[in-house]
Amino acid sequence: LVQAGGSLRLSCAASGRTFSSYAMGWFRQAPGKEREFVAAIS
């Protein structure tokens, strides 16, 4: 929980059989809305 104008850093750690060739990114879903794409990195 943060106030408007603030900052957060999300982290996502992968485990198991991982590959550097995986593209990774973030989606988000707000209540009552469809999941949407946010950001991706090759």
PDB file of all heavy atoms in Angstrom:
ATOM      1  N   LEU A   1       0.844  -1.191   0.000  1.00  0.00           N
ATOM      2  CA  LEU A   1       0.000   0.000   0.000  1.00  0.00           C
ATOM      3  C   LEU A   1       0.879   1.240   0.000  1.00  0.00           C
ATOM      4  O   LEU A   1       1.747   1.387   0.862  1.00  0.00           O
ATOM      5  CB  LEU A   1      -0.912   0.001   1.229  1.00  0.00           C
ATOM      6  CG  LEU A   1      -1.753   1.251   1.473  1.00  0.00           C
ATOM      7  CD1 LEU A   1      -2.764   1.441   0.349  1.00  0.00           C
ATOM      8  CD2 LEU A   1      -2.453   1.152   2.822  1.00  0.00           C
ATOM      9  N   VAL A   2       0.648   2.111  -0.959  1.00  0.00           N
ATOM     10  CA  VAL A   2       1.393   3.362  -1.039  1.00  0.00           C
ATOM     11  C   VAL A   2       0.442   4.498  -1.360  1.00  0.00           C
ATOM     12  O   VAL A   2      -0.658   4.283  -1.870  1.00  0.00           O
ATOM     13  CB  VAL A   2       2.511   3.316  -2.099  1.00  0.00           C
ATOM     14  CG1 VAL A   2       3.540   2.251  -1.762  1.00  0.00           C
ATOM     15  CG2 VAL A   2       1.920   3.072  -3.480  1.00  0.00           C
ATOM     16  N   GLN A   3       0.871   5.703  -1.063  1.00  0.00           N
ATOM     17  CA  GLN A   3       0.097   6.876  -1.419  1.00  0.00           C
ATOM     18  C   GLN A   3       0.372   7.274  -2.861  1.00  0.00           C
ATOM     19  O   GLN A   3       1.421   6.951  -3.425  1.00  0.00           O
ATOM     20  CB  GLN A   3       0.432   8.040  -0.488  1.00  0.00           C
ATOM     21  CG  GLN A   3       0.002   7.832   0.947  1.00  0.00           C
ATOM     22  CD  GLN A   3       0.278   9.041   1.811  1.00  0.00           C
ATOM     23  OE1 GLN A   3       1.229   9.782   1.582  1.00  0.00           O
ATOM     24  NE2 GLN A   3      -0.559   9.242   2.815  1.00  0.00           N
ATOM     25  N   ALA A   4      -0.582   7.952  -3.453  1.00  0.00           N
ATOM     26  CA  ALA A   4      -0.400   8.443  -4.812  1.00  0.00           C
ATOM     27  C   ALA A   4       0.882   9.261  -4.904  1.00  0.00           C
ATOM     28  O   ALA A   4       1.183  10.072  -4.026  1.00  0.00           O
ATOM     29  CB  ALA A   4      -1.596   9.276  -5.237  1.00  0.00           C
ATOM     30  N   GLY A   5       1.620   9.036  -5.973  1.00  0.00           N
ATOM     31  CA  GLY A   5       2.888   9.702  -6.156  1.00  0.00           C
ATOM     32  C   GLY A   5       4.070   8.927  -5.617  1.00  0.00           C
ATOM     33  O   GLY A   5       5.221   9.280  -5.895  1.00  0.00           O
ATOM     34  N   GLY A   6       3.800   7.888  -4.873  1.00  0.00           N
ATOM     35  CA  GLY A   6       4.854   7.080  -4.301  1.00  0.00           C
ATOM     36  C   GLY A   6       5.399   6.056  -5.270  1.00  0.00           C
ATOM     37  O   GLY A   6       5.007   5.998  -6.438  1.00  0.00           O
ATOM     38  N   SER A   7       6.300   5.231  -4.765  1.00  0.00           N
ATOM     39  CA  SER A   7       6.979   4.248  -5.596  1.00  0.00           C
ATOM     40  C   SER A   7       6.989   2.879  -4.940  1.00  0.00           C
ATOM     41  O   SER A   7       6.958   2.752  -3.714  1.00  0.00           O
ATOM     42  CB  SER A   7       8.432   4.668  -5.853  1.00  0.00           C
ATOM     43  OG  SER A   7       8.512   5.895  -6.554  1.00  0.00           O
ATOM     44  N   LEU A   8       7.030   1.874  -5.770  1.00  0.00           N
ATOM     45  CA  LEU A   8       7.219   0.499  -5.349  1.00  0.00           C
ATOM     46  C   LEU A   8       8.105  -0.199  -6.361  1.00  0.00           C
ATOM     47  O   LEU A   8       8.114   0.171  -7.540  1.00  0.00           O
ATOM     48  CB  LEU A   8       5.896  -0.258  -5.256  1.00  0.00           C
ATOM     49  CG  LEU A   8       4.953   0.018  -4.091  1.00  0.00           C
ATOM     50  CD1 LEU A   8       3.639  -0.727  -4.320  1.00  0.00           C
ATOM     51  CD2 LEU A   8       5.578  -0.403  -2.777  1.00  0.00           C
ATOM     52  N   ARG A   9       8.819  -1.194  -5.916  1.00  0.00           N
ATOM     53  CA  ARG A   9       9.558  -2.051  -6.824  1.00  0.00           C
ATOM     54  C   ARG A   9       9.103  -3.484  -6.643  1.00  0.00           C
ATOM     55  O   ARG A   9       9.246  -4.059  -5.562  1.00  0.00           O
ATOM     56  CB  ARG A   9      11.068  -1.970  -6.604  1.00  0.00           C
ATOM     57  CG  ARG A   9      11.853  -2.705  -7.703  1.00  0.00           C
ATOM     58  CD  ARG A   9      13.344  -2.694  -7.485  1.00  0.00           C
ATOM     59  NE  ARG A   9      13.743  -3.587  -6.409  1.00  0.00           N
ATOM     60  CZ  ARG A   9      14.984  -4.027  -6.223  1.00  0.00           C
ATOM     61  NH1 ARG A   9      15.955  -3.638  -7.051  1.00  0.00           N
ATOM     62  NH2 ARG A   9      15.258  -4.823  -5.205  1.00  0.00           N
ATOM     63  N   LEU A  10       8.565  -4.046  -7.695  1.00  0.00           N
ATOM     64  CA  LEU A  10       8.154  -5.431  -7.684  1.00  0.00           C
ATOM     65  C   LEU A  10       9.295  -6.311  -8.174  1.00  0.00           C
ATOM     66  O   LEU A  10      10.033  -5.938  -9.081  1.00  0.00           O
ATOM     67  CB  LEU A  10       6.932  -5.654  -8.578  1.00  0.00           C
ATOM     68  CG  LEU A  10       5.695  -4.800  -8.304  1.00  0.00           C
ATOM     69  CD1 LEU A  10       4.563  -5.220  -9.237  1.00  0.00           C
ATOM     70  CD2 LEU A  10       5.270  -4.900  -6.850  1.00  0.00           C
ATOM     71  N   SER A  11       9.414  -7.468  -7.574  1.00  0.00           N
ATOM     72  CA  SER A  11      10.403  -8.444  -7.995  1.00  0.00           C
ATOM     73  C   SER A  11       9.704  -9.747  -8.324  1.00  0.00           C
ATOM     74  O   SER A  11       8.692 -10.092  -7.717  1.00  0.00           O
ATOM     75  CB  SER A  11      11.441  -8.695  -6.890  1.00  0.00           C
ATOM     76  OG  SER A  11      12.157  -7.522  -6.582  1.00  0.00           O
ATOM     77  N   CYS A  12      10.248 -10.456  -9.270  1.00  0.00           N
ATOM     78  CA  CYS A  12       9.730 -11.765  -9.640  1.00  0.00           C
ATOM     79  C   CYS A  12      10.905 -12.709  -9.793  1.00  0.00           C
ATOM     80  O   CYS A  12      11.724 -12.540 -10.705  1.00  0.00           O
ATOM     81  CB  CYS A  12       8.929 -11.683 -10.939  1.00  0.00           C
ATOM     82  SG  CYS A  12       8.389 -13.287 -11.575  1.00  0.00           S
ATOM     83  N   ALA A  13      10.974 -13.670  -8.917  1.00  0.00           N
ATOM     84  CA  ALA A  13      12.051 -14.648  -8.937  1.00  0.00           C
ATOM     85  C   ALA A  13      11.566 -15.941  -9.574  1.00  0.00           C
ATOM     86  O   ALA A  13      10.531 -16.478  -9.183  1.00  0.00           O
ATOM     87  CB  ALA A  13      12.554 -14.909  -7.522  1.00  0.00           C
ATOM     88  N   ALA A  14      12.309 -16.412 -10.535  1.00  0.00           N
ATOM     89  CA  ALA A  14      11.980 -17.656 -11.218  1.00  0.00           C
ATOM     90  C   ALA A  14      12.804 -18.795 -10.641  1.00  0.00           C
ATOM     91  O   ALA A  14      13.994 -18.645 -10.367  1.00  0.00           O
ATOM     92  CB  ALA A  14      12.234 -17.540 -12.712  1.00  0.00           C
ATOM     93  N   SER A  15      12.168 -19.922 -10.467  1.00  0.00           N
ATOM     94  CA  SER A  15      12.857 -21.110  -9.989  1.00  0.00           C
ATOM     95  C   SER A  15      12.401 -22.312 -10.801  1.00  0.00           C
ATOM     96  O   SER A  15      11.453 -22.235 -11.571  1.00  0.00           O
ATOM     97  CB  SER A  15      12.600 -21.339  -8.502  1.00  0.00           C
ATOM     98  OG  SER A  15      11.223 -21.561  -8.249  1.00  0.00           O
ATOM     99  N   GLY A  16      13.075 -23.412 -10.590  1.00  0.00           N
ATOM    100  CA  GLY A  16      12.804 -24.579 -11.397  1.00  0.00           C
ATOM    101  C   GLY A  16      13.657 -24.540 -12.651  1.00  0.00           C
ATOM    102  O   GLY A  16      14.779 -24.045 -12.630  1.00  0.00           O
ATOM    103  N   ARG A  17      13.109 -25.041 -13.722  1.00  0.00           N
ATOM    104  CA  ARG A  17      13.850 -25.067 -14.980  1.00  0.00           C
ATOM    105  C   ARG A  17      13.703 -23.728 -15.674  1.00  0.00           C
ATOM    106  O   ARG A  17      12.684 -23.444 -16.298  1.00  0.00           O
ATOM    107  CB  ARG A  17      13.335 -26.196 -15.871  1.00  0.00           C
ATOM    108  CG  ARG A  17      14.184 -26.421 -17.110  1.00  0.00           C
ATOM    109  CD  ARG A  17      13.708 -27.617 -17.900  1.00  0.00           C
ATOM    110  NE  ARG A  17      14.537 -27.869 -19.057  1.00  0.00           N
ATOM    111  CZ  ARG A  17      14.360 -28.848 -19.926  1.00  0.00           C
ATOM    112  NH1 ARG A  17      13.345 -29.694 -19.753  1.00  0.00           N
ATOM    113  NH2 ARG A  17      15.171 -28.989 -20.951  1.00  0.00           N
ATOM    114  N   THR A  18      14.726 -22.922 -15.537  1.00  0.00           N
ATOM    115  CA  THR A  18      14.687 -21.581 -16.088  1.00  0.00           C
ATOM    116  C   THR A  18      15.655 -21.444 -17.259  1.00  0.00           C
ATOM    117  O   THR A  18      16.638 -22.168 -17.369  1.00  0.00           O
ATOM    118  CB  THR A  18      15.029 -20.537 -15.021  1.00  0.00           C
ATOM    119  OG1 THR A  18      16.337 -20.801 -14.505  1.00  0.00           O
ATOM    120  CG2 THR A  18      14.024 -20.600 -13.885  1.00  0.00           C
ATOM    121  N   PHE A  19      15.355 -20.473 -18.097  1.00  0.00           N
ATOM    122  CA  PHE A  19      16.147 -20.223 -19.287  1.00  0.00           C
ATOM    123  C   PHE A  19      16.305 -18.733 -19.484  1.00  0.00           C
ATOM    124  O   PHE A  19      15.354 -17.966 -19.294  1.00  0.00           O
ATOM    125  CB  PHE A  19      15.481 -20.818 -20.527  1.00  0.00           C
ATOM    126  CG  PHE A  19      15.211 -22.279 -20.445  1.00  0.00           C
ATOM    127  CD1 PHE A  19      14.018 -22.743 -19.928  1.00  0.00           C
ATOM    128  CD2 PHE A  19      16.151 -23.192 -20.892  1.00  0.00           C
ATOM    129  CE1 PHE A  19      13.761 -24.100 -19.851  1.00  0.00           C
ATOM    130  CE2 PHE A  19      15.908 -24.555 -20.824  1.00  0.00           C
ATOM    131  CZ  PHE A  19      14.703 -25.012 -20.298  1.00  0.00           C
ATOM    132  N   SER A  20      17.473 -18.336 -19.903  1.00  0.00           N
ATOM    133  CA  SER A  20      17.681 -16.929 -20.203  1.00  0.00           C
ATOM    134  C   SER A  20      16.906 -16.488 -21.431  1.00  0.00           C
ATOM    135  O   SER A  20      16.703 -15.290 -21.641  1.00  0.00           O
ATOM    136  CB  SER A  20      19.174 -16.636 -20.400  1.00  0.00           C
ATOM    137  OG  SER A  20      19.696 -17.369 -21.500  1.00  0.00           O
ATOM    138  N   SER A  21      16.461 -17.437 -22.222  1.00  0.00           N
ATOM    139  CA  SER A  21      15.703 -17.122 -23.421  1.00  0.00           C
ATOM    140  C   SER A  21      14.235 -16.829 -23.145  1.00  0.00           C
ATOM    141  O   SER A  21      13.491 -16.531 -24.064  1.00  0.00           O
ATOM    142  CB  SER A  21      15.820 -18.258 -24.435  1.00  0.00           C
ATOM    143  OG  SER A  21      15.339 -19.472 -23.889  1.00  0.00           O
ATOM    144  N   TYR A  22      13.817 -16.914 -21.907  1.00  0.00           N
ATOM    145  CA  TYR A  22      12.444 -16.570 -21.553  1.00  0.00           C
ATOM    146  C   TYR A  22      12.249 -15.069 -21.631  1.00  0.00           C
ATOM    147  O   TYR A  22      13.010 -14.303 -21.052  1.00  0.00           O
ATOM    148  CB  TYR A  22      12.120 -17.006 -20.121  1.00  0.00           C
ATOM    149  CG  TYR A  22      11.716 -18.445 -19.940  1.00  0.00           C
ATOM    150  CD1 TYR A  22      12.493 -19.479 -20.445  1.00  0.00           C
ATOM    151  CD2 TYR A  22      10.558 -18.760 -19.237  1.00  0.00           C
ATOM    152  CE1 TYR A  22      12.119 -20.795 -20.261  1.00  0.00           C
ATOM    153  CE2 TYR A  22      10.186 -20.080 -19.046  1.00  0.00           C
ATOM    154  CZ  TYR A  22      10.966 -21.091 -19.561  1.00  0.00           C
ATOM    155  OH  TYR A  22      10.603 -22.404 -19.363  1.00  0.00           O
ATOM    156  N   ALA A  23      11.224 -14.670 -22.333  1.00  0.00           N
ATOM    157  CA  ALA A  23      10.759 -13.301 -22.201  1.00  0.00           C
ATOM    158  C   ALA A  23       9.973 -13.210 -20.898  1.00  0.00           C
ATOM    159  O   ALA A  23       9.267 -14.144 -20.522  1.00  0.00           O
ATOM    160  CB  ALA A  23       9.879 -12.911 -23.378  1.00  0.00           C
ATOM    161  N   MET A  24      10.087 -12.099 -20.227  1.00  0.00           N
ATOM    162  CA  MET A  24       9.386 -11.945 -18.960  1.00  0.00           C
ATOM    163  C   MET A  24       8.707 -10.587 -18.905  1.00  0.00           C
ATOM    164  O   MET A  24       9.109  -9.652 -19.594  1.00  0.00           O
ATOM    165  CB  MET A  24      10.341 -12.111 -17.777  1.00  0.00           C
ATOM    166  CG  MET A  24      10.992 -13.481 -17.711  1.00  0.00           C
ATOM    167  SD  MET A  24      11.964 -13.757 -16.211  1.00  0.00           S
ATOM    168  CE  MET A  24      10.645 -13.876 -14.981  1.00  0.00           C
ATOM    169  N   GLY A  25       7.693 -10.515 -18.075  1.00  0.00           N
ATOM    170  CA  GLY A  25       6.986  -9.258 -17.970  1.00  0.00           C
ATOM    171  C   GLY A  25       5.933  -9.281 -16.893  1.00  0.00           C
ATOM    172  O   GLY A  25       5.907 -10.174 -16.034  1.00  0.00           O
ATOM    173  N   TRP A  26       5.077  -8.285 -16.961  1.00  0.00           N
ATOM    174  CA  TRP A  26       4.062  -8.083 -15.947  1.00  0.00           C
ATOM    175  C   TRP A  26       2.715  -7.781 -16.566  1.00  0.00           C
ATOM    176  O   TRP A  26       2.618  -7.037 -17.553  1.00  0.00           O
ATOM    177  CB  TRP A  26       4.448  -6.917 -15.025  1.00  0.00           C
ATOM    178  CG  TRP A  26       5.709  -7.160 -14.264  1.00  0.00           C
ATOM    179  CD1 TRP A  26       6.984  -6.895 -14.677  1.00  0.00           C
ATOM    180  CD2 TRP A  26       5.813  -7.715 -12.951  1.00  0.00           C
ATOM    181  NE1 TRP A  26       7.884  -7.255 -13.708  1.00  0.00           N
ATOM    182  CE2 TRP A  26       7.198  -7.757 -12.639  1.00  0.00           C
ATOM    183  CE3 TRP A  26       4.892  -8.171 -12.020  1.00  0.00           C
ATOM    184  CZ2 TRP A  26       7.658  -8.249 -11.416  1.00  0.00           C
ATOM    185  CZ3 TRP A  26       5.348  -8.660 -10.810  1.00  0.00           C
ATOM    186  CH2 TRP A  26       6.719  -8.692 -10.525  1.00  0.00           C
ATOM    187  N   PHE A  27       1.694  -8.360 -15.992  1.00  0.00           N
ATOM    188  CA  PHE A  27       0.312  -8.048 -16.283  1.00  0.00           C
ATOM    189  C   PHE A  27      -0.344  -7.602 -14.986  1.00  0.00           C
ATOM    190  O   PHE A  27       0.199  -7.828 -13.901  1.00  0.00           O
ATOM    191  CB  PHE A  27      -0.425  -9.261 -16.845  1.00  0.00           C
ATOM    192  CG  PHE A  27      -0.005  -9.662 -18.232  1.00  0.00           C
ATOM    193  CD1 PHE A  27       1.236 -10.229 -18.464  1.00  0.00           C
ATOM    194  CD2 PHE A  27      -0.860  -9.478 -19.312  1.00  0.00           C
ATOM    195  CE1 PHE A  27       1.630 -10.606 -19.736  1.00  0.00           C
ATOM    196  CE2 PHE A  27      -0.489  -9.856 -20.590  1.00  0.00           C
ATOM    197  CZ  PHE A  27       0.757 -10.412 -20.806  1.00  0.00           C
ATOM    198  N   ARG A  28      -1.502  -6.991 -15.099  1.00  0.00           N
ATOM    199  CA  ARG A  28      -2.223  -6.603 -13.898  1.00  0.00           C
ATOM    200  C   ARG A  28      -3.720  -6.749 -14.123  1.00  0.00           C
ATOM    201  O   ARG A  28      -4.201  -6.701 -15.253  1.00  0.00           O
ATOM    202  CB  ARG A  28      -1.889  -5.169 -13.471  1.00  0.00           C
ATOM    203  CG  ARG A  28      -2.356  -4.093 -14.439  1.00  0.00           C
ATOM    204  CD  ARG A  28      -1.847  -2.727 -14.005  1.00  0.00           C
ATOM    205  NE  ARG A  28      -2.283  -1.669 -14.902  1.00  0.00           N
ATOM    206  CZ  ARG A  28      -1.883  -0.414 -14.816  1.00  0.00           C
ATOM    207  NH1 ARG A  28      -1.024  -0.043 -13.858  1.00  0.00           N
ATOM    208  NH2 ARG A  28      -2.334   0.496 -15.682  1.00  0.00           N
ATOM    209  N   GLN A  29      -4.425  -6.919 -13.028  1.00  0.00           N
ATOM    210  CA  GLN A  29      -5.865  -7.059 -13.098  1.00  0.00           C
ATOM    211  C   GLN A  29      -6.501  -6.311 -11.932  1.00  0.00           C
ATOM    212  O   GLN A  29      -6.243  -6.627 -10.773  1.00  0.00           O
ATOM    213  CB  GLN A  29      -6.291  -8.518 -13.070  1.00  0.00           C
ATOM    214  CG  GLN A  29      -7.775  -8.727 -13.307  1.00  0.00           C
ATOM    215  CD  GLN A  29      -8.127 -10.176 -13.588  1.00  0.00           C
ATOM    216  OE1 GLN A  29      -7.380 -11.088 -13.214  1.00  0.00           O
ATOM    217  NE2 GLN A  29      -9.233 -10.405 -14.251  1.00  0.00           N
ATOM    218  N   ALA A  30      -7.300  -5.334 -12.268  1.00  0.00           N
ATOM    219  CA  ALA A  30      -8.043  -4.579 -11.279  1.00  0.00           C
ATOM    220  C   ALA A  30      -9.417  -5.210 -11.096  1.00  0.00           C
ATOM    221  O   ALA A  30      -9.913  -5.897 -11.995  1.00  0.00           O
ATOM    222  CB  ALA A  30      -8.183  -3.121 -11.711  1.00  0.00           C
ATOM    223  N   PRO A  31     -10.055  -4.987  -9.953  1.00  0.00           N
ATOM    224  CA  PRO A  31     -11.387  -5.558  -9.728  1.00  0.00           C
ATOM    225  C   PRO A  31     -12.362  -5.167 -10.820  1.00  0.00           C
ATOM    226  O   PRO A  31     -12.470  -3.994 -11.186  1.00  0.00           O
ATOM    227  CB  PRO A  31     -11.791  -4.967  -8.374  1.00  0.00           C
ATOM    228  CG  PRO A  31     -10.500  -4.696  -7.687  1.00  0.00           C
ATOM    229  CD  PRO A  31      -9.570  -4.250  -8.778  1.00  0.00           C
ATOM    230  N   GLY A  32     -13.056  -6.150 -11.347  1.00  0.00           N
ATOM    231  CA  GLY A  32     -14.052  -5.903 -12.368  1.00  0.00           C
ATOM    232  C   GLY A  32     -13.501  -5.656 -13.757  1.00  0.00           C
ATOM    233  O   GLY A  32     -14.280  -5.357 -14.673  1.00  0.00           O
ATOM    234  N   LYS A  33     -12.208  -5.763 -13.923  1.00  0.00           N
ATOM    235  CA  LYS A  33     -11.604  -5.522 -15.221  1.00  0.00           C
ATOM    236  C   LYS A  33     -10.822  -6.743 -15.695  1.00  0.00           C
ATOM    237  O   LYS A  33     -10.460  -7.613 -14.912  1.00  0.00           O
ATOM    238  CB  LYS A  33     -10.677  -4.310 -15.168  1.00  0.00           C
ATOM    239  CG  LYS A  33     -11.378  -2.993 -14.875  1.00  0.00           C
ATOM    240  CD  LYS A  33     -10.427  -1.827 -14.981  1.00  0.00           C
ATOM    241  CE  LYS A  33     -11.144  -0.509 -14.766  1.00  0.00           C
ATOM    242  NZ  LYS A  33     -10.213   0.647 -14.898  1.00  0.00           N
ATOM    243  N   GLU A  34     -10.582  -6.778 -16.988  1.00  0.00           N
ATOM    244  CA  GLU A  34      -9.798  -7.855 -17.561  1.00  0.00           C
ATOM    245  C   GLU A  34      -8.319  -7.661 -17.247  1.00  0.00           C
ATOM    246  O   GLU A  34      -7.854  -6.546 -17.019  1.00  0.00           O
ATOM    247  CB  GLU A  34     -10.003  -7.917 -19.079  1.00  0.00           C
ATOM    248  CG  GLU A  34     -11.414  -8.254 -19.513  1.00  0.00           C
ATOM    249  CD  GLU A  34     -11.548  -8.340 -21.019  1.00  0.00           C
ATOM    250  OE1 GLU A  34     -10.607  -7.938 -21.726  1.00  0.00           O
ATOM    251  OE2 GLU A  34     -12.587  -8.819 -21.490  1.00  0.00           O
ATOM    252  N   ARG A  35      -7.603  -8.766 -17.243  1.00  0.00           N
ATOM    253  CA  ARG A  35      -6.168  -8.687 -17.068  1.00  0.00           C
ATOM    254  C   ARG A  35      -5.557  -7.965 -18.266  1.00  0.00           C
ATOM    255  O   ARG A  35      -5.908  -8.228 -19.419  1.00  0.00           O
ATOM    256  CB  ARG A  35      -5.583 -10.087 -16.926  1.00  0.00           C
ATOM    257  CG  ARG A  35      -4.118 -10.112 -16.560  1.00  0.00           C
ATOM    258  CD  ARG A  35      -3.651 -11.530 -16.247  1.00  0.00           C
ATOM    259  NE  ARG A  35      -4.360 -12.093 -15.112  1.00  0.00           N
ATOM    260  CZ  ARG A  35      -4.064 -13.268 -14.558  1.00  0.00           C
ATOM    261  NH1 ARG A  35      -3.061 -13.992 -15.021  1.00  0.00           N
ATOM    262  NH2 ARG A  35      -4.783 -13.705 -13.539  1.00  0.00           N
ATOM    263  N   GLU A  36      -4.647  -7.051 -17.988  1.00  0.00           N
ATOM    264  CA  GLU A  36      -4.034  -6.286 -19.054  1.00  0.00           C
ATOM    265  C   GLU A  36      -2.519  -6.354 -18.986  1.00  0.00           C
ATOM    266  O   GLU A  36      -1.925  -6.479 -17.911  1.00  0.00           O
ATOM    267  CB  GLU A  36      -4.483  -4.817 -19.009  1.00  0.00           C
ATOM    268  CG  GLU A  36      -3.964  -4.034 -17.817  1.00  0.00           C
ATOM    269  CD  GLU A  36      -4.195  -2.538 -17.922  1.00  0.00           C
ATOM    270  OE1 GLU A  36      -4.476  -2.045 -19.038  1.00  0.00           O
ATOM    271  OE2 GLU A  36      -4.097  -1.847 -16.889  1.00  0.00           O
ATOM    272  N   PHE A  37      -1.918  -6.246 -20.127  1.00  0.00           N
ATOM    273  CA  PHE A  37      -0.472  -6.200 -20.224  1.00  0.00           C
ATOM    274  C   PHE A  37       0.055  -4.894 -19.662  1.00  0.00           C
ATOM    275  O   PHE A  37      -0.536  -3.837 -19.877  1.00  0.00           O
ATOM    276  CB  PHE A  37      -0.051  -6.340 -21.687  1.00  0.00           C
ATOM    277  CG  PHE A  37       1.382  -5.985 -21.934  1.00  0.00           C
ATOM    278  CD1 PHE A  37       2.395  -6.863 -21.595  1.00  0.00           C
ATOM    279  CD2 PHE A  37       1.718  -4.770 -22.491  1.00  0.00           C
ATOM    280  CE1 PHE A  37       3.725  -6.534 -21.813  1.00  0.00           C
ATOM    281  CE2 PHE A  37       3.038  -4.428 -22.716  1.00  0.00           C
ATOM    282  CZ  PHE A  37       4.044  -5.319 -22.370  1.00  0.00           C
ATOM    283  N   VAL A  38       1.184  -4.967 -18.960  1.00  0.00           N
ATOM    284  CA  VAL A  38       1.807  -3.782 -18.388  1.00  0.00           C
ATOM    285  C   VAL A  38       3.185  -3.530 -18.994  1.00  0.00           C
ATOM    286  O   VAL A  38       3.463  -2.442 -19.502  1.00  0.00           O
ATOM    287  CB  VAL A  38       1.935  -3.893 -16.859  1.00  0.00           C
ATOM    288  CG1 VAL A  38       2.651  -2.667 -16.295  1.00  0.00           C
ATOM    289  CG2 VAL A  38       0.564  -4.048 -16.224  1.00  0.00           C
ATOM    290  N   ALA A  39       4.066  -4.511 -18.910  1.00  0.00           N
ATOM    291  CA  ALA A  39       5.436  -4.329 -19.378  1.00  0.00           C
ATOM    292  C   ALA A  39       6.059  -5.673 -19.692  1.00  0.00           C
ATOM    293  O   ALA A  39       5.680  -6.697 -19.120  1.00  0.00           O
ATOM    294  CB  ALA A  39       6.274  -3.601 -18.320  1.00  0.00           C
ATOM    295  N   ALA A  40       7.019  -5.666 -20.599  1.00  0.00           N
ATOM    296  CA  ALA A  40       7.726  -6.889 -20.948  1.00  0.00           C
ATOM    297  C   ALA A  40       9.161  -6.576 -21.320  1.00  0.00           C
ATOM    298  O   ALA A  40       9.480  -5.457 -21.733  1.00  0.00           O
ATOM    299  CB  ALA A  40       7.030  -7.610 -22.109  1.00  0.00           C
ATOM    300  N   ILE A  41      10.000  -7.573 -21.185  1.00  0.00           N
ATOM    301  CA  ILE A  41      11.409  -7.443 -21.528  1.00  0.00           C
ATOM    302  C   ILE A  41      11.853  -8.719 -22.226  1.00  0.00           C
ATOM    303  O   ILE A  41      11.504  -9.830 -21.812  1.00  0.00           O
ATOM    304  CB  ILE A  41      12.256  -7.144 -20.267  1.00  0.00           C
ATOM    305  CG1 ILE A  41      13.713  -6.883 -20.630  1.00  0.00           C
ATOM    306  CG2 ILE A  41      12.126  -8.268 -19.243  1.00  0.00           C
ATOM    307  CD1 ILE A  41      14.510  -6.287 -19.461  1.00  0.00           C
ATOM    308  N   SER A  42      12.608  -8.569 -23.293  1.00  0.00           N
ATOM    309  CA  SER A  42      13.088  -9.718 -24.030  1.00  0.00           C
ATOM    310  C   SER A  42      14.150 -10.461 -23.225  1.00  0.00           C
ATOM    311  O   SER A  42      14.662  -9.964 -22.222  1.00  0.00           O
ATOM    312  CB  SER A  42      13.658  -9.285 -25.382  1.00  0.00           C
ATOM    313  OG  SER A  42      14.786  -8.435 -25.208  1.00  0.00           O
TER     314      SER A  42
END
